[in-house]
Amino acid sequence: MLRRIVRVLAVALVGAPGVLSAQYFGRNKVQYTNFDYKIIQTEHFDVYYYDRERTAALDAARIAERSYARLSKVLNHEFRERKPIILYASQSDFMQTNATEVSSEGTGGVTDFARNRAVMPFTGAYSDFEHVLTHEMAHQFQYDIWSRGRAGAGLNTLIAIAPPLWFAEGMAEYLSLGPINAETAMWLRDASLEGKLPTIEQMTADPYEYFPYRFGHALWSYIGERWGDEAVGAILKATLSGGVEPAFRRTIGLSLEQLSDQWRDAVQKRYLPEIGARAKAKAVAD
């Protein structure tokens, strides 16, 4: 989840004291439960849990290491130190966290840039949990690359890169879900039918109108399908030398405008013929 970065960047521009305050937002939050945390140490993670979630935490540790093996290969990057994963046994417990900011009850997980802590609850469905865990781990990889392996040390780099939400959240969705799934396909069909498939410029300017998770997922899926998954890691690392636009030019030889045009053409060619064979909902229902 990268919404936090946008707020941190805004605060960082007006002075360091504000940054420190933003990083520890919510530390006076009322807690109703005393969480007695223990740690499972794996090769790459410190998994924090309390007793009633021990069995699930052991599974989470295995999932994390399995996902690490794949992400480190795709992104061509290794952690220098173990990363924290803080687990809660339920959504209600998660809402009490003081480890980072949780913006709403719909939040599935949060990754803290300052300490690279991934914080999330168990939802009862392992497939959903693995998706969220891998998504947050993708953010840990992004932050580790942008901070050059020193948690929280790359704030100036992050401000300079200013990664759009479609870039960071879309990449995390692609790395955690893989190619376009049914939910993202639904968004693409609807946007194509209504003539509202956004350009990259539109997604950058107004990410909350053009949902960055789904459209960003679709864009990175297109990149992975056309140039291979190794291009994802190459683009991410290339942002260190000039930012987002130069990273794409250097890696795939296209400007964001050119990439946007080619991606939108590919989406419309894929979904418009399919839409032509379907009836609109309003044609069959009041």
Protein backbone atom coordinates (compact mmCIF):
# COMPACT_ATOMS: atom_id res chain seq x y z
CA MET A 1 0.00 0.00 0.00
CA LEU A 2 1.63 3.24 -1.19
CA ARG A 3 -0.94 5.88 -0.22
CA ARG A 4 1.29 6.49 2.81
CA ILE A 5 4.19 7.48 0.54
CA VAL A 6 2.17 10.26 -1.04
CA ARG A 7 1.45 11.74 2.39
CA VAL A 8 5.06 11.28 3.54
CA LEU A 9 6.37 12.98 0.40
CA ALA A 10 4.08 15.95 0.94
CA VAL A 11 5.16 16.31 4.54
CA ALA A 12 8.83 15.77 3.72
CA LEU A 13 8.83 18.77 1.45
CA VAL A 14 8.07 21.09 4.36
CA GLY A 15 10.71 19.84 6.77
CA ALA A 16 12.21 16.85 8.55
CA PRO A 17 10.34 17.24 11.88
CA GLY A 18 7.11 16.72 10.00
CA VAL A 19 8.48 13.53 8.47
CA LEU A 20 9.30 12.08 11.85
CA SER A 21 5.84 12.93 13.08
CA ALA A 22 4.22 11.35 10.03
CA GLN A 23 6.17 8.13 10.40
CA TYR A 24 4.76 7.52 13.88
CA PHE A 25 1.21 8.62 13.24
CA GLY A 26 -1.22 6.87 15.55
CA ARG A 27 1.17 6.05 18.38
CA ASN A 28 -1.44 7.26 20.92
CA LYS A 29 -4.17 5.07 19.44
CA VAL A 30 -6.27 3.32 22.08
CA GLN A 31 -5.48 -0.39 22.36
CA TYR A 32 -7.97 -2.83 23.81
CA THR A 33 -5.74 -5.91 23.68
CA ASN A 34 -2.28 -6.57 25.08
CA PHE A 35 -0.35 -8.34 22.32
CA ASP A 36 2.49 -10.49 23.68
CA TYR A 37 4.62 -10.77 20.55
CA LYS A 38 7.09 -13.52 19.75
CA ILE A 39 9.38 -13.79 16.73
CA ILE A 40 9.93 -16.45 14.08
CA GLN A 41 13.27 -15.76 12.40
CA THR A 42 13.73 -17.05 8.86
CA GLU A 43 16.60 -16.37 6.50
CA HIS A 44 15.11 -13.10 5.24
CA PHE A 45 12.34 -12.14 7.69
CA ASP A 46 11.49 -11.54 11.34
CA VAL A 47 7.87 -12.65 11.63
CA TYR A 48 6.14 -11.17 14.69
CA TYR A 49 3.10 -13.00 16.07
CA TYR A 50 1.26 -13.78 19.30
CA ASP A 51 0.26 -17.18 20.62
CA ARG A 52 -3.23 -17.61 19.19
CA GLU A 53 -1.91 -17.15 15.65
CA ARG A 54 1.22 -19.31 15.98
CA THR A 55 0.16 -22.02 13.50
CA ALA A 56 -0.82 -19.48 10.87
CA ALA A 57 2.38 -17.50 11.55
CA LEU A 58 4.49 -20.58 10.81
CA ASP A 59 2.65 -20.92 7.52
CA ALA A 60 3.17 -17.21 6.86
CA ALA A 61 6.92 -17.59 7.38
CA ARG A 62 7.02 -20.38 4.79
CA ILE A 63 4.92 -18.36 2.35
CA ALA A 64 7.21 -15.35 2.81
CA GLU A 65 10.36 -17.31 2.03
CA ARG A 66 8.74 -18.96 -0.98
CA SER A 67 7.63 -15.58 -2.31
CA TYR A 68 11.04 -14.10 -1.55
CA ALA A 69 12.72 -16.68 -3.76
CA ARG A 70 10.52 -15.67 -6.70
CA LEU A 71 10.58 -11.89 -6.15
CA SER A 72 14.34 -11.73 -5.63
CA LYS A 73 14.82 -13.52 -8.94
CA VAL A 74 12.33 -11.38 -10.89
CA LEU A 75 13.67 -8.12 -9.44
CA ASN A 76 17.31 -9.25 -9.39
CA HIS A 77 17.72 -8.03 -5.83
CA GLU A 78 18.61 -9.54 -2.44
CA PHE A 79 17.95 -8.16 1.04
CA ARG A 80 21.02 -7.34 3.13
CA GLU A 81 19.09 -7.75 6.37
CA ARG A 82 15.91 -9.44 7.55
CA LYS A 83 12.69 -7.49 7.07
CA PRO A 84 9.94 -7.31 9.74
CA ILE A 85 6.52 -8.83 9.10
CA ILE A 86 4.02 -8.02 11.87
CA LEU A 87 0.95 -10.26 11.92
CA TYR A 88 -2.44 -9.84 13.59
CA ALA A 89 -4.91 -12.66 14.14
CA SER A 90 -7.92 -10.65 12.95
CA GLN A 91 -8.97 -7.41 11.27
CA SER A 92 -10.15 -5.96 14.59
CA ASP A 93 -6.74 -6.64 16.15
CA PHE A 94 -5.05 -5.13 13.11
CA MET A 95 -7.06 -1.92 13.49
CA GLN A 96 -5.42 -1.42 16.90
CA THR A 97 -1.87 -1.45 15.51
CA ASN A 98 0.54 1.31 16.50
CA ALA A 99 3.24 0.03 14.17
CA THR A 100 2.02 2.20 11.30
CA GLU A 101 -1.05 4.03 10.00
CA VAL A 102 -4.12 2.01 9.04
CA SER A 103 -6.41 4.30 7.09
CA SER A 104 -9.63 2.26 7.09
CA GLU A 105 -11.25 -1.06 7.88
CA GLY A 106 -10.83 -2.01 4.24
CA THR A 107 -7.04 -1.86 4.46
CA GLY A 108 -5.57 -5.31 3.85
CA GLY A 109 -1.97 -4.50 4.75
CA VAL A 110 0.53 -1.65 5.08
CA THR A 111 4.28 -1.41 4.53
CA ASP A 112 6.21 1.28 6.39
CA PHE A 113 8.95 2.95 4.33
CA ALA A 114 10.94 4.12 7.36
CA ARG A 115 11.49 0.61 8.78
CA ASN A 116 10.32 -1.60 5.92
CA ARG A 117 7.77 -3.25 8.22
CA ALA A 118 4.94 -5.14 6.54
CA VAL A 119 1.89 -5.14 8.83
CA MET A 120 -1.24 -7.19 8.09
CA PRO A 121 -4.00 -9.38 9.55
CA PHE A 122 -4.99 -12.93 8.79
CA THR A 123 -8.28 -12.97 6.91
CA GLY A 124 -9.11 -16.68 7.18
CA ALA A 125 -8.41 -17.40 3.50
CA TYR A 126 -4.85 -18.43 2.75
CA SER A 127 -5.07 -17.47 -0.93
CA ASP A 128 -6.08 -13.91 0.00
CA PHE A 129 -3.46 -13.74 2.72
CA GLU A 130 -0.70 -14.91 0.35
CA HIS A 131 -1.74 -12.25 -2.15
CA VAL A 132 -1.60 -9.46 0.47
CA LEU A 133 1.65 -10.73 1.98
CA THR A 134 3.36 -10.94 -1.42
CA HIS A 135 1.98 -7.50 -2.35
CA GLU A 136 3.48 -5.97 0.81
CA MET A 137 6.75 -7.85 0.24
CA ALA A 138 6.90 -6.29 -3.23
CA HIS A 139 6.78 -2.90 -1.50
CA GLN A 140 9.60 -4.05 0.80
CA PHE A 141 11.67 -4.80 -2.29
CA GLN A 142 10.81 -1.42 -3.81
CA TYR A 143 11.74 0.41 -0.63
CA ASP A 144 14.94 -1.62 -0.19
CA ILE A 145 16.04 -0.75 -3.72
CA TRP A 146 15.18 2.94 -3.33
CA SER A 147 16.98 3.10 0.04
CA ARG A 148 19.92 1.05 -1.30
CA GLY A 149 19.50 -1.58 1.38
CA ARG A 150 19.33 0.76 4.39
CA ALA A 151 15.77 0.96 5.70
CA GLY A 152 14.50 4.53 5.84
CA ALA A 153 17.73 5.99 4.42
CA GLY A 154 16.39 6.76 0.95
CA LEU A 155 13.78 9.42 1.67
CA ASN A 156 15.49 12.01 -0.54
CA THR A 157 15.73 9.42 -3.31
CA LEU A 158 12.06 8.60 -2.89
CA ILE A 159 11.14 12.29 -3.09
CA ALA A 160 13.23 12.67 -6.25
CA ILE A 161 11.68 9.61 -7.93
CA ALA A 162 8.13 10.40 -6.70
CA PRO A 163 6.75 7.06 -7.91
CA PRO A 164 3.12 7.32 -9.05
CA LEU A 165 0.65 4.94 -7.45
CA TRP A 166 0.10 3.09 -10.74
CA PHE A 167 3.84 2.40 -10.78
CA ALA A 168 4.27 1.08 -7.23
CA GLU A 169 0.84 -0.38 -6.50
CA GLY A 170 0.39 -1.77 -10.00
CA MET A 171 3.80 -3.45 -9.81
CA ALA A 172 2.98 -4.93 -6.40
CA GLU A 173 -0.29 -6.30 -7.77
CA TYR A 174 1.44 -7.81 -10.79
CA LEU A 175 4.15 -9.39 -8.65
CA SER A 176 1.58 -10.81 -6.21
CA LEU A 177 -1.19 -11.84 -8.63
CA GLY A 178 0.63 -12.47 -11.88
CA PRO A 179 -0.98 -11.66 -15.25
CA ILE A 180 -4.39 -10.04 -15.58
CA ASN A 181 -6.98 -11.78 -13.42
CA ALA A 182 -10.78 -11.72 -13.58
CA GLU A 183 -11.13 -8.56 -11.46
CA THR A 184 -8.64 -6.52 -13.49
CA ALA A 185 -10.15 -7.84 -16.74
CA MET A 186 -13.55 -6.60 -15.55
CA TRP A 187 -12.17 -3.08 -15.08
CA LEU A 188 -10.54 -3.15 -18.52
CA ARG A 189 -13.69 -4.37 -20.29
CA ASP A 190 -15.81 -1.72 -18.62
CA ALA A 191 -13.32 1.09 -19.30
CA SER A 192 -12.99 0.02 -22.95
CA LEU A 193 -16.77 -0.15 -23.42
CA GLU A 194 -17.35 3.26 -21.83
CA GLY A 195 -14.40 4.94 -23.57
CA LYS A 196 -12.74 5.61 -20.22
CA LEU A 197 -9.54 3.60 -20.49
CA PRO A 198 -7.03 6.03 -18.94
CA THR A 199 -3.72 7.14 -20.33
CA ILE A 200 -0.64 6.89 -18.10
CA GLU A 201 -0.72 10.68 -17.82
CA GLN A 202 -4.28 10.55 -16.50
CA MET A 203 -3.43 7.82 -14.00
CA THR A 204 -0.50 9.88 -12.76
CA ALA A 205 -2.50 13.11 -12.46
CA ASP A 206 -5.56 11.60 -10.76
CA PRO A 207 -4.80 8.14 -9.33
CA TYR A 208 -7.96 7.98 -7.24
CA GLU A 209 -10.23 8.41 -10.25
CA TYR A 210 -8.28 5.85 -12.29
CA PHE A 211 -7.84 3.08 -9.73
CA PRO A 212 -4.05 2.47 -9.64
CA TYR A 213 -4.27 -1.10 -8.38
CA ARG A 214 -6.28 -2.43 -11.32
CA PHE A 215 -5.06 -0.24 -14.19
CA GLY A 216 -1.49 -0.34 -12.86
CA HIS A 217 -1.76 -4.14 -12.65
CA ALA A 218 -2.91 -4.22 -16.27
CA LEU A 219 -0.06 -1.97 -17.43
CA TRP A 220 2.62 -4.04 -15.70
CA SER A 221 1.04 -7.22 -17.05
CA TYR A 222 1.43 -5.78 -20.54
CA ILE A 223 5.07 -4.93 -19.83
CA GLY A 224 5.77 -8.40 -18.45
CA GLU A 225 4.05 -10.11 -21.38
CA ARG A 226 5.84 -8.01 -24.01
CA TRP A 227 9.34 -7.52 -22.56
CA GLY A 228 9.54 -10.27 -19.94
CA ASP A 229 9.46 -10.13 -16.16
CA GLU A 230 13.14 -9.18 -16.04
CA ALA A 231 12.10 -5.78 -17.46
CA VAL A 232 10.07 -5.12 -14.30
CA GLY A 233 13.13 -5.33 -12.06
CA ALA A 234 15.26 -3.45 -14.57
CA ILE A 235 12.79 -0.55 -14.73
CA LEU A 236 12.52 -0.43 -10.94
CA LYS A 237 16.31 -0.21 -10.51
CA ALA A 238 16.64 2.27 -13.36
CA THR A 239 14.45 4.76 -11.46
CA LEU A 240 17.49 5.39 -9.25
CA SER A 241 19.14 7.18 -12.17
CA GLY A 242 16.72 9.91 -13.15
CA GLY A 243 13.23 8.84 -12.11
CA VAL A 244 10.31 7.02 -13.67
CA GLU A 245 10.18 8.36 -17.24
CA PRO A 246 13.93 7.92 -17.95
CA ALA A 247 13.75 4.41 -16.46
CA PHE A 248 11.24 3.33 -19.11
CA ARG A 249 13.15 5.03 -21.92
CA ARG A 250 16.39 3.36 -20.84
CA THR A 251 14.91 -0.11 -20.32
CA ILE A 252 12.30 -0.58 -23.05
CA GLY A 253 13.11 2.31 -25.39
CA LEU A 254 9.71 3.99 -25.07
CA SER A 255 8.51 7.20 -23.48
CA LEU A 256 5.56 6.96 -21.12
CA GLU A 257 3.36 8.53 -23.80
CA GLN A 258 4.42 5.92 -26.36
CA LEU A 259 3.97 3.11 -23.86
CA SER A 260 0.56 4.47 -22.93
CA ASP A 261 -0.61 4.54 -26.55
CA GLN A 262 0.62 1.02 -27.26
CA TRP A 263 -0.84 -0.41 -24.04
CA ARG A 264 -4.26 1.18 -24.65
CA ASP A 265 -4.30 -0.11 -28.23
CA ALA A 266 -3.50 -3.62 -26.99
CA VAL A 267 -6.24 -3.49 -24.34
CA GLN A 268 -8.88 -2.29 -26.79
CA LYS A 269 -7.94 -4.87 -29.41
CA ARG A 270 -8.25 -7.56 -26.77
CA TYR A 271 -11.51 -6.54 -25.10
CA LEU A 272 -13.60 -4.61 -27.64
CA PRO A 273 -14.31 -7.67 -29.85
CA GLU A 274 -15.32 -9.59 -26.73
CA ILE A 275 -17.59 -6.75 -25.62
CA GLY A 276 -19.26 -6.65 -29.03
CA ALA A 277 -20.76 -10.09 -28.42
CA ARG A 278 -22.24 -9.10 -25.06
CA ALA A 279 -25.45 -7.30 -24.17
CA LYS A 280 -25.27 -4.28 -21.90
CA ALA A 281 -26.79 -4.76 -18.48
CA LYS A 282 -29.36 -2.03 -19.10
CA ALA A 283 -30.63 -3.95 -22.13
CA VAL A 284 -31.72 -6.89 -20.01
CA ALA A 285 -32.58 -5.28 -16.67
CA ASP A 286 -34.27 -2.20 -15.34
